[in-house]
């Protein structure tokens, strides 16, 4: 089973709206604006505020607005993108997932967040 399908299934179980997002132009804009340091492996922005994973892994999104956000990650060298209708709900969905490292960005490109096995990085611009 794929990570993307697992996230969609988990979101459906708790009533959170998540859809597949397929906009490579948007992804390229994210890369151009934020220049994340590492897109695969232990994903990293390489700048911004760092939050300890243990303390914030399932709560950091509560601080975000209720506007849409795009999650992206690589699975087997394939770019996967999902759109959350409400960014605040991301942590609720990810509580049921294990070991997924990902980025989260808002549609207006005001922030980029990376979540890996060790730390959460937040960069606002």
PDB file of N, CA and C in Angstrom:
ATOM      1  N   UNK A   1       0.845  -1.186   0.000  1.00  0.00           N
ATOM      2  CA  UNK A   1       0.000   0.000   0.000  1.00  0.00           C
ATOM      3  C   UNK A   1       0.889   1.249   0.000  1.00  0.00           C
ATOM      4  N   UNK A   2       0.459   2.288  -0.663  1.00  0.00           N
ATOM      5  CA  UNK A   2       1.268   3.493  -0.752  1.00  0.00           C
ATOM      6  C   UNK A   2       0.986   4.437   0.422  1.00  0.00           C
ATOM      7  N   UNK A   3       1.968   5.256   0.721  1.00  0.00           N
ATOM      8  CA  UNK A   3       1.809   6.254   1.779  1.00  0.00           C
ATOM      9  C   UNK A   3       0.685   7.228   1.430  1.00  0.00           C
ATOM     10  N   UNK A   4       0.616   7.583   0.168  1.00  0.00           N
ATOM     11  CA  UNK A   4      -0.412   8.528  -0.263  1.00  0.00           C
ATOM     12  C   UNK A   4      -1.805   7.939  -0.021  1.00  0.00           C
ATOM     13  N   UNK A   5      -1.997   6.691  -0.382  1.00  0.00           N
ATOM     14  CA  UNK A   5      -3.290   6.031  -0.158  1.00  0.00           C
ATOM     15  C   UNK A   5      -3.573   5.912   1.340  1.00  0.00           C
ATOM     16  N   UNK A   6      -2.558   5.596   2.128  1.00  0.00           N
ATOM     17  CA  UNK A   6      -2.733   5.499   3.583  1.00  0.00           C
ATOM     18  C   UNK A   6      -3.213   6.824   4.171  1.00  0.00           C
ATOM     19  N   UNK A   7      -2.638   7.922   3.711  1.00  0.00           N
ATOM     20  CA  UNK A   7      -3.031   9.241   4.219  1.00  0.00           C
ATOM     21  C   UNK A   7      -4.469   9.565   3.813  1.00  0.00           C
ATOM     22  N   UNK A   8      -4.805   9.286   2.570  1.00  0.00           N
ATOM     23  CA  UNK A   8      -6.174   9.539   2.095  1.00  0.00           C
ATOM     24  C   UNK A   8      -7.168   8.689   2.885  1.00  0.00           C
ATOM     25  N   UNK A   9      -6.844   7.417   3.089  1.00  0.00           N
ATOM     26  CA  UNK A   9      -7.731   6.533   3.848  1.00  0.00           C
ATOM     27  C   UNK A   9      -7.882   7.016   5.288  1.00  0.00           C
ATOM     28  N   UNK A  10      -6.772   7.386   5.910  1.00  0.00           N
ATOM     29  CA  UNK A  10      -6.806   7.861   7.300  1.00  0.00           C
ATOM     30  C   UNK A  10      -7.643   9.133   7.410  1.00  0.00           C
ATOM     31  N   UNK A  11      -7.474  10.034   6.456  1.00  0.00           N
ATOM     32  CA  UNK A  11      -8.239  11.290   6.496  1.00  0.00           C
ATOM     33  C   UNK A  11      -9.723  11.016   6.326  1.00  0.00           C
ATOM     34  N   UNK A  12     -10.058  10.089   5.467  1.00  0.00           N
ATOM     35  CA  UNK A  12     -11.463   9.743   5.234  1.00  0.00           C
ATOM     36  C   UNK A  12     -12.096   9.165   6.503  1.00  0.00           C
ATOM     37  N   UNK A  13     -11.342   8.349   7.217  1.00  0.00           N
ATOM     38  CA  UNK A  13     -11.847   7.723   8.447  1.00  0.00           C
ATOM     39  C   UNK A  13     -12.230   8.754   9.513  1.00  0.00           C
ATOM     40  N   UNK A  14     -11.535   9.900   9.527  1.00  0.00           N
ATOM     41  CA  UNK A  14     -11.823  10.908  10.562  1.00  0.00           C
ATOM     42  C   UNK A  14     -12.527  12.145   9.999  1.00  0.00           C
ATOM     43  N   UNK A  15     -12.948  12.074   8.748  1.00  0.00           N
ATOM     44  CA  UNK A  15     -13.741  13.145   8.157  1.00  0.00           C
ATOM     45  C   UNK A  15     -12.966  14.385   7.746  1.00  0.00           C
ATOM     46  N   UNK A  16     -11.694  14.209   7.380  1.00  0.00           N
ATOM     47  CA  UNK A  16     -10.865  15.329   6.929  1.00  0.00           C
ATOM     48  C   UNK A  16     -10.759  15.263   5.408  1.00  0.00           C
ATOM     49  N   UNK A  17     -10.964  16.394   4.759  1.00  0.00           N
ATOM     50  CA  UNK A  17     -10.944  16.453   3.292  1.00  0.00           C
ATOM     51  C   UNK A  17      -9.508  16.547   2.769  1.00  0.00           C
ATOM     52  N   UNK A  18      -9.069  15.484   2.095  1.00  0.00           N
ATOM     53  CA  UNK A  18      -7.739  15.423   1.479  1.00  0.00           C
ATOM     54  C   UNK A  18      -7.918  14.865   0.077  1.00  0.00           C
ATOM     55  N   UNK A  19      -7.295  15.527  -0.902  1.00  0.00           N
ATOM     56  CA  UNK A  19      -7.377  15.057  -2.283  1.00  0.00           C
ATOM     57  C   UNK A  19      -5.980  15.013  -2.902  1.00  0.00           C
ATOM     58  N   UNK A  20      -5.856  14.208  -3.934  1.00  0.00           N
ATOM     59  CA  UNK A  20      -4.603  14.164  -4.687  1.00  0.00           C
ATOM     60  C   UNK A  20      -4.438  15.506  -5.385  1.00  0.00           C
ATOM     61  N   UNK A  21      -3.221  16.023  -5.342  1.00  0.00           N
ATOM     62  CA  UNK A  21      -2.921  17.325  -5.945  1.00  0.00           C
ATOM     63  C   UNK A  21      -1.825  17.099  -6.973  1.00  0.00           C
ATOM     64  N   UNK A  22      -2.052  17.505  -8.190  1.00  0.00           N
ATOM     65  CA  UNK A  22      -1.102  17.214  -9.256  1.00  0.00           C
ATOM     66  C   UNK A  22      -0.777  18.500 -10.013  1.00  0.00           C
ATOM     67  N   UNK A  23       0.061  19.327  -9.401  1.00  0.00           N
ATOM     68  CA  UNK A  23       0.411  20.610 -10.010  1.00  0.00           C
ATOM     69  C   UNK A  23       1.928  20.803  -9.912  1.00  0.00           C
ATOM     70  N   UNK A  24       2.628  20.322 -10.910  1.00  0.00           N
ATOM     71  CA  UNK A  24       4.085  20.393 -10.917  1.00  0.00           C
ATOM     72  C   UNK A  24       4.562  21.846 -10.959  1.00  0.00           C
ATOM     73  N   UNK A  25       3.803  22.727 -11.603  1.00  0.00           N
ATOM     74  CA  UNK A  25       4.176  24.141 -11.626  1.00  0.00           C
ATOM     75  C   UNK A  25       4.189  24.726 -10.208  1.00  0.00           C
ATOM     76  N   UNK A  26       3.196  24.369  -9.406  1.00  0.00           N
ATOM     77  CA  UNK A  26       3.167  24.817  -8.014  1.00  0.00           C
ATOM     78  C   UNK A  26       4.374  24.282  -7.260  1.00  0.00           C
ATOM     79  N   UNK A  27       4.676  23.011  -7.442  1.00  0.00           N
ATOM     80  CA  UNK A  27       5.843  22.399  -6.797  1.00  0.00           C
ATOM     81  C   UNK A  27       7.121  23.156  -7.176  1.00  0.00           C
ATOM     82  N   UNK A  28       7.272  23.491  -8.437  1.00  0.00           N
ATOM     83  CA  UNK A  28       8.455  24.221  -8.882  1.00  0.00           C
ATOM     84  C   UNK A  28       8.534  25.617  -8.250  1.00  0.00           C
ATOM     85  N   UNK A  29       7.383  26.258  -8.047  1.00  0.00           N
ATOM     86  CA  UNK A  29       7.348  27.558  -7.370  1.00  0.00           C
ATOM     87  C   UNK A  29       7.809  27.422  -5.921  1.00  0.00           C
ATOM     88  N   UNK A  30       7.394  26.332  -5.263  1.00  0.00           N
ATOM     89  CA  UNK A  30       7.830  26.076  -3.888  1.00  0.00           C
ATOM     90  C   UNK A  30       9.351  25.945  -3.846  1.00  0.00           C
ATOM     91  N   UNK A  31       9.905  25.167  -4.752  1.00  0.00           N
ATOM     92  CA  UNK A  31      11.363  24.974  -4.796  1.00  0.00           C
ATOM     93  C   UNK A  31      12.086  26.285  -5.058  1.00  0.00           C
ATOM     94  N   UNK A  32      11.554  27.063  -5.983  1.00  0.00           N
ATOM     95  CA  UNK A  32      12.172  28.342  -6.329  1.00  0.00           C
ATOM     96  C   UNK A  32      12.151  29.320  -5.154  1.00  0.00           C
ATOM     97  N   UNK A  33      11.041  29.381  -4.453  1.00  0.00           N
ATOM     98  CA  UNK A  33      10.907  30.349  -3.369  1.00  0.00           C
ATOM     99  C   UNK A  33      11.659  29.939  -2.102  1.00  0.00           C
ATOM    100  N   UNK A  34      11.561  28.661  -1.719  1.00  0.00           N
ATOM    101  CA  UNK A  34      12.098  28.239  -0.429  1.00  0.00           C
ATOM    102  C   UNK A  34      13.434  27.502  -0.503  1.00  0.00           C
ATOM    103  N   UNK A  35      13.780  26.959  -1.643  1.00  0.00           N
ATOM    104  CA  UNK A  35      15.030  26.205  -1.821  1.00  0.00           C
ATOM    105  C   UNK A  35      15.295  25.230  -0.679  1.00  0.00           C
ATOM    106  N   UNK A  36      14.389  24.266  -0.455  1.00  0.00           N
ATOM    107  CA  UNK A  36      14.628  23.313   0.634  1.00  0.00           C
ATOM    108  C   UNK A  36      15.933  22.550   0.427  1.00  0.00           C
ATOM    109  N   UNK A  37      16.603  22.274   1.543  1.00  0.00           N
ATOM    110  CA  UNK A  37      17.929  21.659   1.483  1.00  0.00           C
ATOM    111  C   UNK A  37      17.878  20.203   1.053  1.00  0.00           C
ATOM    112  N   UNK A  38      16.881  19.449   1.531  1.00  0.00           N
ATOM    113  CA  UNK A  38      16.853  18.022   1.242  1.00  0.00           C
ATOM    114  C   UNK A  38      15.409  17.565   1.015  1.00  0.00           C
ATOM    115  N   UNK A  39      15.136  17.060  -0.194  1.00  0.00           N
ATOM    116  CA  UNK A  39      13.780  16.662  -0.571  1.00  0.00           C
ATOM    117  C   UNK A  39      13.487  15.188  -0.306  1.00  0.00           C
ATOM    118  N   UNK A  40      14.524  14.378  -0.135  1.00  0.00           N
ATOM    119  CA  UNK A  40      14.360  12.943   0.100  1.00  0.00           C
ATOM    120  C   UNK A  40      15.190  12.547   1.310  1.00  0.00           C
ATOM    121  N   UNK A  41      14.876  11.390   1.863  1.00  0.00           N
ATOM    122  CA  UNK A  41      15.586  10.973   3.067  1.00  0.00           C
ATOM    123  C   UNK A  41      15.049  11.758   4.240  1.00  0.00           C
ATOM    124  N   UNK A  42      15.917  12.286   5.054  1.00  0.00           N
ATOM    125  CA  UNK A  42      15.460  13.108   6.176  1.00  0.00           C
ATOM    126  C   UNK A  42      15.225  14.526   5.652  1.00  0.00           C
ATOM    127  N   UNK A  43      13.995  14.763   5.182  1.00  0.00           N
ATOM    128  CA  UNK A  43      13.655  16.015   4.522  1.00  0.00           C
ATOM    129  C   UNK A  43      14.014  17.200   5.409  1.00  0.00           C
ATOM    130  N   UNK A  44      14.436  18.283   4.761  1.00  0.00           N
ATOM    131  CA  UNK A  44      14.887  19.445   5.529  1.00  0.00           C
ATOM    132  C   UNK A  44      14.774  20.715   4.705  1.00  0.00           C
ATOM    133  N   UNK A  45      14.386  21.786   5.387  1.00  0.00           N
ATOM    134  CA  UNK A  45      14.387  23.109   4.763  1.00  0.00           C
ATOM    135  C   UNK A  45      15.775  23.715   4.883  1.00  0.00           C
ATOM    136  N   UNK A  46      16.418  23.496   6.033  1.00  0.00           N
ATOM    137  CA  UNK A  46      17.769  24.007   6.257  1.00  0.00           C
ATOM    138  C   UNK A  46      17.808  25.406   6.819  1.00  0.00           C
ATOM    139  N   UNK A  47      16.646  25.950   7.178  1.00  0.00           N
ATOM    140  CA  UNK A  47      16.583  27.287   7.776  1.00  0.00           C
ATOM    141  C   UNK A  47      15.248  27.426   8.484  1.00  0.00           C
ATOM    142  N   UNK A  48      15.096  28.450   9.291  1.00  0.00           N
ATOM    143  CA  UNK A  48      13.845  28.692   9.983  1.00  0.00           C
ATOM    144  C   UNK A  48      13.837  28.134  11.392  1.00  0.00           C
ATOM    145  N   UNK A  49      12.682  28.197  12.009  1.00  0.00           N
ATOM    146  CA  UNK A  49      12.500  27.744  13.391  1.00  0.00           C
ATOM    147  C   UNK A  49      12.473  26.212  13.446  1.00  0.00           C
ATOM    148  N   UNK A  50      13.118  25.653  14.463  1.00  0.00           N
ATOM    149  CA  UNK A  50      13.105  24.202  14.668  1.00  0.00           C
ATOM    150  C   UNK A  50      12.308  23.879  15.918  1.00  0.00           C
ATOM    151  N   UNK A  51      11.421  22.909  15.786  1.00  0.00           N
ATOM    152  CA  UNK A  51      10.610  22.456  16.903  1.00  0.00           C
ATOM    153  C   UNK A  51      10.939  20.993  17.187  1.00  0.00           C
ATOM    154  N   UNK A  52      11.022  20.608  18.467  1.00  0.00           N
ATOM    155  CA  UNK A  52      11.287  19.201  18.775  1.00  0.00           C
ATOM    156  C   UNK A  52      10.126  18.314  18.330  1.00  0.00           C
ATOM    157  N   UNK A  53      10.458  17.244  17.631  1.00  0.00           N
ATOM    158  CA  UNK A  53       9.436  16.360  17.081  1.00  0.00           C
ATOM    159  C   UNK A  53       8.545  15.769  18.166  1.00  0.00           C
ATOM    160  N   UNK A  54       9.142  15.260  19.225  1.00  0.00           N
ATOM    161  CA  UNK A  54       8.355  14.591  20.273  1.00  0.00           C
ATOM    162  C   UNK A  54       7.272  15.497  20.848  1.00  0.00           C
ATOM    163  N   UNK A  55       7.573  16.763  20.982  1.00  0.00           N
ATOM    164  CA  UNK A  55       6.633  17.688  21.602  1.00  0.00           C
ATOM    165  C   UNK A  55       5.573  18.217  20.626  1.00  0.00           C
ATOM    166  N   UNK A  56       5.927  18.352  19.349  1.00  0.00           N
ATOM    167  CA  UNK A  56       5.045  19.048  18.403  1.00  0.00           C
ATOM    168  C   UNK A  56       4.536  18.222  17.222  1.00  0.00           C
ATOM    169  N   UNK A  57       4.948  16.970  17.091  1.00  0.00           N
ATOM    170  CA  UNK A  57       4.610  16.191  15.898  1.00  0.00           C
ATOM    171  C   UNK A  57       3.111  16.153  15.600  1.00  0.00           C
ATOM    172  N   UNK A  58       2.287  16.046  16.631  1.00  0.00           N
ATOM    173  CA  UNK A  58       0.852  15.926  16.400  1.00  0.00           C
ATOM    174  C   UNK A  58       0.069  17.162  16.832  1.00  0.00           C
ATOM    175  N   UNK A  59       0.792  18.302  16.988  1.00  0.00           N
ATOM    176  CA  UNK A  59       0.102  19.537  17.390  1.00  0.00           C
ATOM    177  C   UNK A  59       0.509  20.760  16.571  1.00  0.00           C
ATOM    178  N   UNK A  60       1.618  20.697  15.845  1.00  0.00           N
ATOM    179  CA  UNK A  60       2.114  21.912  15.178  1.00  0.00           C
ATOM    180  C   UNK A  60       1.085  22.523  14.233  1.00  0.00           C
ATOM    181  N   UNK A  61       0.284  21.703  13.566  1.00  0.00           N
ATOM    182  CA  UNK A  61      -0.656  22.257  12.579  1.00  0.00           C
ATOM    183  C   UNK A  61      -1.809  23.019  13.227  1.00  0.00           C
ATOM    184  N   UNK A  62      -2.002  22.831  14.540  1.00  0.00           N
ATOM    185  CA  UNK A  62      -3.044  23.588  15.238  1.00  0.00           C
ATOM    186  C   UNK A  62      -2.768  25.090  15.196  1.00  0.00           C
ATOM    187  N   UNK A  63      -1.511  25.462  14.994  1.00  0.00           N
ATOM    188  CA  UNK A  63      -1.114  26.874  14.948  1.00  0.00           C
ATOM    189  C   UNK A  63      -1.302  27.481  13.557  1.00  0.00           C
ATOM    190  N   UNK A  64      -1.631  26.657  12.579  1.00  0.00           N
ATOM    191  CA  UNK A  64      -1.804  27.147  11.207  1.00  0.00           C
ATOM    192  C   UNK A  64      -3.231  27.646  11.010  1.00  0.00           C
ATOM    193  N   UNK A  65      -3.428  28.418   9.965  1.00  0.00           N
ATOM    194  CA  UNK A  65      -4.770  28.862   9.621  1.00  0.00           C
ATOM    195  C   UNK A  65      -5.591  27.705   9.067  1.00  0.00           C
ATOM    196  N   UNK A  66      -6.871  27.931   8.923  1.00  0.00           N
ATOM    197  CA  UNK A  66      -7.770  26.897   8.397  1.00  0.00           C
ATOM    198  C   UNK A  66      -7.824  26.891   6.876  1.00  0.00           C
ATOM    199  N   UNK A  67      -6.873  27.513   6.244  1.00  0.00           N
ATOM    200  CA  UNK A  67      -6.849  27.559   4.782  1.00  0.00           C
ATOM    201  C   UNK A  67      -6.189  26.292   4.222  1.00  0.00           C
ATOM    202  N   UNK A  68      -6.342  26.043   2.922  1.00  0.00           N
ATOM    203  CA  UNK A  68      -5.762  24.847   2.316  1.00  0.00           C
ATOM    204  C   UNK A  68      -4.230  24.819   2.392  1.00  0.00           C
ATOM    205  N   UNK A  69      -3.696  23.605   2.438  1.00  0.00           N
ATOM    206  CA  UNK A  69      -2.247  23.412   2.431  1.00  0.00           C
ATOM    207  C   UNK A  69      -1.938  22.172   1.597  1.00  0.00           C
ATOM    208  N   UNK A  70      -0.762  22.188   1.012  1.00  0.00           N
ATOM    209  CA  UNK A  70      -0.310  21.094   0.160  1.00  0.00           C
ATOM    210  C   UNK A  70       0.795  20.338   0.880  1.00  0.00           C
ATOM    211  N   UNK A  71       0.621  19.024   0.997  1.00  0.00           N
ATOM    212  CA  UNK A  71       1.661  18.157   1.540  1.00  0.00           C
ATOM    213  C   UNK A  71       2.364  17.508   0.360  1.00  0.00           C
ATOM    214  N   UNK A  72       3.700  17.441   0.440  1.00  0.00           N
ATOM    215  CA  UNK A  72       4.405  16.706  -0.599  1.00  0.00           C
ATOM    216  C   UNK A  72       5.557  15.920  -0.006  1.00  0.00           C
ATOM    217  N   UNK A  73       5.864  14.812  -0.666  1.00  0.00           N
ATOM    218  CA  UNK A  73       6.956  13.929  -0.263  1.00  0.00           C
ATOM    219  C   UNK A  73       7.261  13.023  -1.447  1.00  0.00           C
ATOM    220  N   UNK A  74       8.374  12.351  -1.357  1.00  0.00           N
ATOM    221  CA  UNK A  74       8.736  11.386  -2.392  1.00  0.00           C
ATOM    222  C   UNK A  74       8.504   9.976  -1.860  1.00  0.00           C
ATOM    223  N   UNK A  75       7.965   9.132  -2.720  1.00  0.00           N
ATOM    224  CA  UNK A  75       7.815   7.721  -2.406  1.00  0.00           C
ATOM    225  C   UNK A  75       8.340   6.937  -3.606  1.00  0.00           C
ATOM    226  N   UNK A  76       9.397   6.182  -3.363  1.00  0.00           N
ATOM    227  CA  UNK A  76      10.043   5.421  -4.442  1.00  0.00           C
ATOM    228  C   UNK A  76      10.367   6.329  -5.626  1.00  0.00           C
ATOM    229  N   UNK A  77      11.000   7.449  -5.351  1.00  0.00           N
ATOM    230  CA  UNK A  77      11.420   8.430  -6.361  1.00  0.00           C
ATOM    231  C   UNK A  77      10.266   9.050  -7.149  1.00  0.00           C
ATOM    232  N   UNK A  78       9.056   8.959  -6.629  1.00  0.00           N
ATOM    233  CA  UNK A  78       7.891   9.576  -7.264  1.00  0.00           C
ATOM    234  C   UNK A  78       7.375  10.685  -6.362  1.00  0.00           C
ATOM    235  N   UNK A  79       7.185  11.866  -6.931  1.00  0.00           N
ATOM    236  CA  UNK A  79       6.635  12.985  -6.182  1.00  0.00           C
ATOM    237  C   UNK A  79       5.164  12.728  -5.891  1.00  0.00           C
ATOM    238  N   UNK A  80       4.803  12.829  -4.612  1.00  0.00           N
ATOM    239  CA  UNK A  80       3.404  12.662  -4.187  1.00  0.00           C
ATOM    240  C   UNK A  80       2.945  13.986  -3.583  1.00  0.00           C
ATOM    241  N   UNK A  81       1.781  14.447  -3.987  1.00  0.00           N
ATOM    242  CA  UNK A  81       1.236  15.702  -3.475  1.00  0.00           C
ATOM    243  C   UNK A  81      -0.227  15.502  -3.089  1.00  0.00           C
ATOM    244  N   UNK A  82      -0.573  16.012  -1.904  1.00  0.00           N
ATOM    245  CA  UNK A  82      -1.935  15.939  -1.399  1.00  0.00           C
ATOM    246  C   UNK A  82      -2.379  17.318  -0.937  1.00  0.00           C
ATOM    247  N   UNK A  83      -3.631  17.631  -1.155  1.00  0.00           N
ATOM    248  CA  UNK A  83      -4.170  18.911  -0.724  1.00  0.00           C
ATOM    249  C   UNK A  83      -5.112  18.696   0.460  1.00  0.00           C
ATOM    250  N   UNK A  84      -4.801  19.350   1.570  1.00  0.00           N
ATOM    251  CA  UNK A  84      -5.660  19.368   2.749  1.00  0.00           C
ATOM    252  C   UNK A  84      -6.504  20.627   2.672  1.00  0.00           C
ATOM    253  N   UNK A  85      -7.811  20.496   2.752  1.00  0.00           N
ATOM    254  CA  UNK A  85      -8.701  21.644   2.697  1.00  0.00           C
ATOM    255  C   UNK A  85      -8.478  22.555   3.902  1.00  0.00           C
ATOM    256  N   UNK A  86      -8.106  21.974   5.035  1.00  0.00           N
ATOM    257  CA  UNK A  86      -7.879  22.721   6.276  1.00  0.00           C
ATOM    258  C   UNK A  86      -6.523  22.315   6.861  1.00  0.00           C
ATOM    259  N   UNK A  87      -5.564  23.217   6.799  1.00  0.00           N
ATOM    260  CA  UNK A  87      -4.204  22.927   7.272  1.00  0.00           C
ATOM    261  C   UNK A  87      -4.172  22.519   8.747  1.00  0.00           C
ATOM    262  N   UNK A  88      -5.095  23.027   9.533  1.00  0.00           N
ATOM    263  CA  UNK A  88      -5.130  22.688  10.963  1.00  0.00           C
ATOM    264  C   UNK A  88      -5.350  21.193  11.201  1.00  0.00           C
ATOM    265  N   UNK A  89      -5.896  20.490  10.234  1.00  0.00           N
ATOM    266  CA  UNK A  89      -6.252  19.075  10.392  1.00  0.00           C
ATOM    267  C   UNK A  89      -5.120  18.110  10.038  1.00  0.00           C
ATOM    268  N   UNK A  90      -3.989  18.632   9.557  1.00  0.00           N
ATOM    269  CA  UNK A  90      -2.899  17.764   9.122  1.00  0.00           C
ATOM    270  C   UNK A  90      -2.436  16.836  10.243  1.00  0.00           C
ATOM    271  N   UNK A  91      -2.194  17.370  11.416  1.00  0.00           N
ATOM    272  CA  UNK A  91      -1.706  16.540  12.526  1.00  0.00           C
ATOM    273  C   UNK A  91      -2.717  15.485  12.935  1.00  0.00           C
ATOM    274  N   UNK A  92      -3.991  15.796  12.851  1.00  0.00           N
ATOM    275  CA  UNK A  92      -5.029  14.806  13.184  1.00  0.00           C
ATOM    276  C   UNK A  92      -4.917  13.592  12.278  1.00  0.00           C
ATOM    277  N   UNK A  93      -4.658  13.829  11.005  1.00  0.00           N
ATOM    278  CA  UNK A  93      -4.511  12.735  10.045  1.00  0.00           C
ATOM    279  C   UNK A  93      -3.195  11.996  10.283  1.00  0.00           C
ATOM    280  N   UNK A  94      -2.123  12.719  10.528  1.00  0.00           N
ATOM    281  CA  UNK A  94      -0.807  12.103  10.643  1.00  0.00           C
ATOM    282  C   UNK A  94      -0.626  11.326  11.944  1.00  0.00           C
ATOM    283  N   UNK A  95      -1.501  11.519  12.910  1.00  0.00           N
ATOM    284  CA  UNK A  95      -1.449  10.717  14.144  1.00  0.00           C
ATOM    285  C   UNK A  95      -1.593   9.229  13.849  1.00  0.00           C
ATOM    286  N   UNK A  96      -2.262   8.903  12.759  1.00  0.00           N
ATOM    287  CA  UNK A  96      -2.483   7.504  12.394  1.00  0.00           C
ATOM    288  C   UNK A  96      -1.423   6.963  11.436  1.00  0.00           C
ATOM    289  N   UNK A  97      -0.445   7.762  11.106  1.00  0.00           N
ATOM    290  CA  UNK A  97       0.607   7.372  10.170  1.00  0.00           C
ATOM    291  C   UNK A  97       1.902   7.136  10.945  1.00  0.00           C
ATOM    292  N   UNK A  98       2.812   6.380  10.365  1.00  0.00           N
ATOM    293  CA  UNK A  98       4.100   6.162  11.009  1.00  0.00           C
ATOM    294  C   UNK A  98       5.221   6.295   9.986  1.00  0.00           C
ATOM    295  N   UNK A  99       6.210   7.069  10.335  1.00  0.00           N
ATOM    296  CA  UNK A  99       7.428   7.118   9.551  1.00  0.00           C
ATOM    297  C   UNK A  99       7.359   7.880   8.241  1.00  0.00           C
ATOM    298  N   UNK A 100       6.382   8.742   8.075  1.00  0.00           N
ATOM    299  CA  UNK A 100       6.292   9.511   6.838  1.00  0.00           C
ATOM    300  C   UNK A 100       6.936  10.876   7.072  1.00  0.00           C
ATOM    301  N   UNK A 101       7.966  11.158   6.295  1.00  0.00           N
ATOM    302  CA  UNK A 101       8.591  12.478   6.326  1.00  0.00           C
ATOM    303  C   UNK A 101       8.001  13.275   5.173  1.00  0.00           C
ATOM    304  N   UNK A 102       7.689  14.544   5.436  1.00  0.00           N
ATOM    305  CA  UNK A 102       6.972  15.316   4.426  1.00  0.00           C
ATOM    306  C   UNK A 102       7.192  16.812   4.598  1.00  0.00           C
ATOM    307  N   UNK A 103       6.775  17.539   3.570  1.00  0.00           N
ATOM    308  CA  UNK A 103       6.724  18.997   3.595  1.00  0.00           C
ATOM    309  C   UNK A 103       5.259  19.415   3.564  1.00  0.00           C
ATOM    310  N   UNK A 104       4.994  20.595   4.126  1.00  0.00           N
ATOM    311  CA  UNK A 104       3.668  21.187   4.067  1.00  0.00           C
ATOM    312  C   UNK A 104       3.838  22.653   3.696  1.00  0.00           C
ATOM    313  N   UNK A 105       3.069  23.104   2.718  1.00  0.00           N
ATOM    314  CA  UNK A 105       3.154  24.482   2.253  1.00  0.00           C
ATOM    315  C   UNK A 105       1.741  24.997   2.000  1.00  0.00           C
ATOM    316  N   UNK A 106       1.522  26.276   2.287  1.00  0.00           N
ATOM    317  CA  UNK A 106       0.211  26.859   2.002  1.00  0.00           C
ATOM    318  C   UNK A 106       0.144  27.294   0.547  1.00  0.00           C
ATOM    319  N   UNK A 107      -1.055  27.458   0.051  1.00  0.00           N
ATOM    320  CA  UNK A 107      -1.250  27.811  -1.361  1.00  0.00           C
ATOM    321  C   UNK A 107      -0.676  29.179  -1.722  1.00  0.00           C
ATOM    322  N   UNK A 108      -0.563  30.072  -0.744  1.00  0.00           N
ATOM    323  CA  UNK A 108      -0.029  31.412  -1.007  1.00  0.00           C
ATOM    324  C   UNK A 108       1.487  31.478  -0.846  1.00  0.00           C
ATOM    325  N   UNK A 109       2.105  30.344  -0.573  1.00  0.00           N
ATOM    326  CA  UNK A 109       3.562  30.254  -0.398  1.00  0.00           C
ATOM    327  C   UNK A 109       4.077  31.180   0.710  1.00  0.00           C
ATOM    328  N   UNK A 110       3.322  31.253   1.795  1.00  0.00           N
ATOM    329  CA  UNK A 110       3.754  32.067   2.938  1.00  0.00           C
ATOM    330  C   UNK A 110       4.609  31.273   3.910  1.00  0.00           C
ATOM    331  N   UNK A 111       4.459  29.946   3.921  1.00  0.00           N
ATOM    332  CA  UNK A 111       5.277  29.120   4.801  1.00  0.00           C
ATOM    333  C   UNK A 111       5.598  27.781   4.149  1.00  0.00           C
ATOM    334  N   UNK A 112       6.687  27.202   4.615  1.00  0.00           N
ATOM    335  CA  UNK A 112       7.053  25.833   4.272  1.00  0.00           C
ATOM    336  C   UNK A 112       7.444  25.162   5.580  1.00  0.00           C
ATOM    337  N   UNK A 113       6.933  23.966   5.799  1.00  0.00           N
ATOM    338  CA  UNK A 113       7.225  23.196   7.000  1.00  0.00           C
ATOM    339  C   UNK A 113       7.746  21.832   6.562  1.00  0.00           C
ATOM    340  N   UNK A 114       8.793  21.364   7.218  1.00  0.00           N
ATOM    341  CA  UNK A 114       9.257  19.997   6.977  1.00  0.00           C
ATOM    342  C   UNK A 114       9.124  19.216   8.274  1.00  0.00           C
ATOM    343  N   UNK A 115       8.717  17.966   8.138  1.00  0.00           N
ATOM    344  CA  UNK A 115       8.600  17.070   9.286  1.00  0.00           C
ATOM    345  C   UNK A 115       9.401  15.823   8.953  1.00  0.00           C
ATOM    346  N   UNK A 116      10.458  15.578   9.736  1.00  0.00           N
ATOM    347  CA  UNK A 116      11.217  14.346   9.547  1.00  0.00           C
ATOM    348  C   UNK A 116      11.253  13.577  10.866  1.00  0.00           C
ATOM    349  N   UNK A 117      12.047  12.543  10.941  1.00  0.00           N
ATOM    350  CA  UNK A 117      12.059  11.682  12.128  1.00  0.00           C
ATOM    351  C   UNK A 117      12.635  12.366  13.357  1.00  0.00           C
ATOM    352  N   UNK A 118      13.251  13.530  13.183  1.00  0.00           N
ATOM    353  CA  UNK A 118      13.972  14.164  14.287  1.00  0.00           C
ATOM    354  C   UNK A 118      13.468  15.543  14.680  1.00  0.00           C
ATOM    355  N   UNK A 119      13.002  16.306  13.708  1.00  0.00           N
ATOM    356  CA  UNK A 119      12.687  17.704  13.971  1.00  0.00           C
ATOM    357  C   UNK A 119      11.632  18.228  12.995  1.00  0.00           C
ATOM    358  N   UNK A 120      10.937  19.269  13.415  1.00  0.00           N
ATOM    359  CA  UNK A 120      10.020  19.988  12.537  1.00  0.00           C
ATOM    360  C   UNK A 120      10.662  21.332  12.255  1.00  0.00           C
ATOM    361  N   UNK A 121      10.810  21.683  10.994  1.00  0.00           N
ATOM    362  CA  UNK A 121      11.350  22.988  10.615  1.00  0.00           C
ATOM    363  C   UNK A 121      10.221  23.814  10.014  1.00  0.00           C
ATOM    364  N   UNK A 122      10.128  25.072  10.424  1.00  0.00           N
ATOM    365  CA  UNK A 122       9.123  25.988   9.887  1.00  0.00           C
ATOM    366  C   UNK A 122       9.829  27.220   9.358  1.00  0.00           C
ATOM    367  N   UNK A 123       9.509  27.573   8.134  1.00  0.00           N
ATOM    368  CA  UNK A 123      10.091  28.779   7.555  1.00  0.00           C
ATOM    369  C   UNK A 123       8.967  29.609   6.974  1.00  0.00           C
ATOM    370  N   UNK A 124       8.851  30.831   7.463  1.00  0.00           N
ATOM    371  CA  UNK A 124       7.796  31.754   7.006  1.00  0.00           C
ATOM    372  C   UNK A 124       8.437  32.869   6.206  1.00  0.00           C
ATOM    373  N   UNK A 125       7.789  33.240   5.107  1.00  0.00           N
ATOM    374  CA  UNK A 125       8.318  34.326   4.275  1.00  0.00           C
ATOM    375  C   UNK A 125       7.220  35.259   3.874  1.00  0.00           C
TER     376      UNK A 125
END
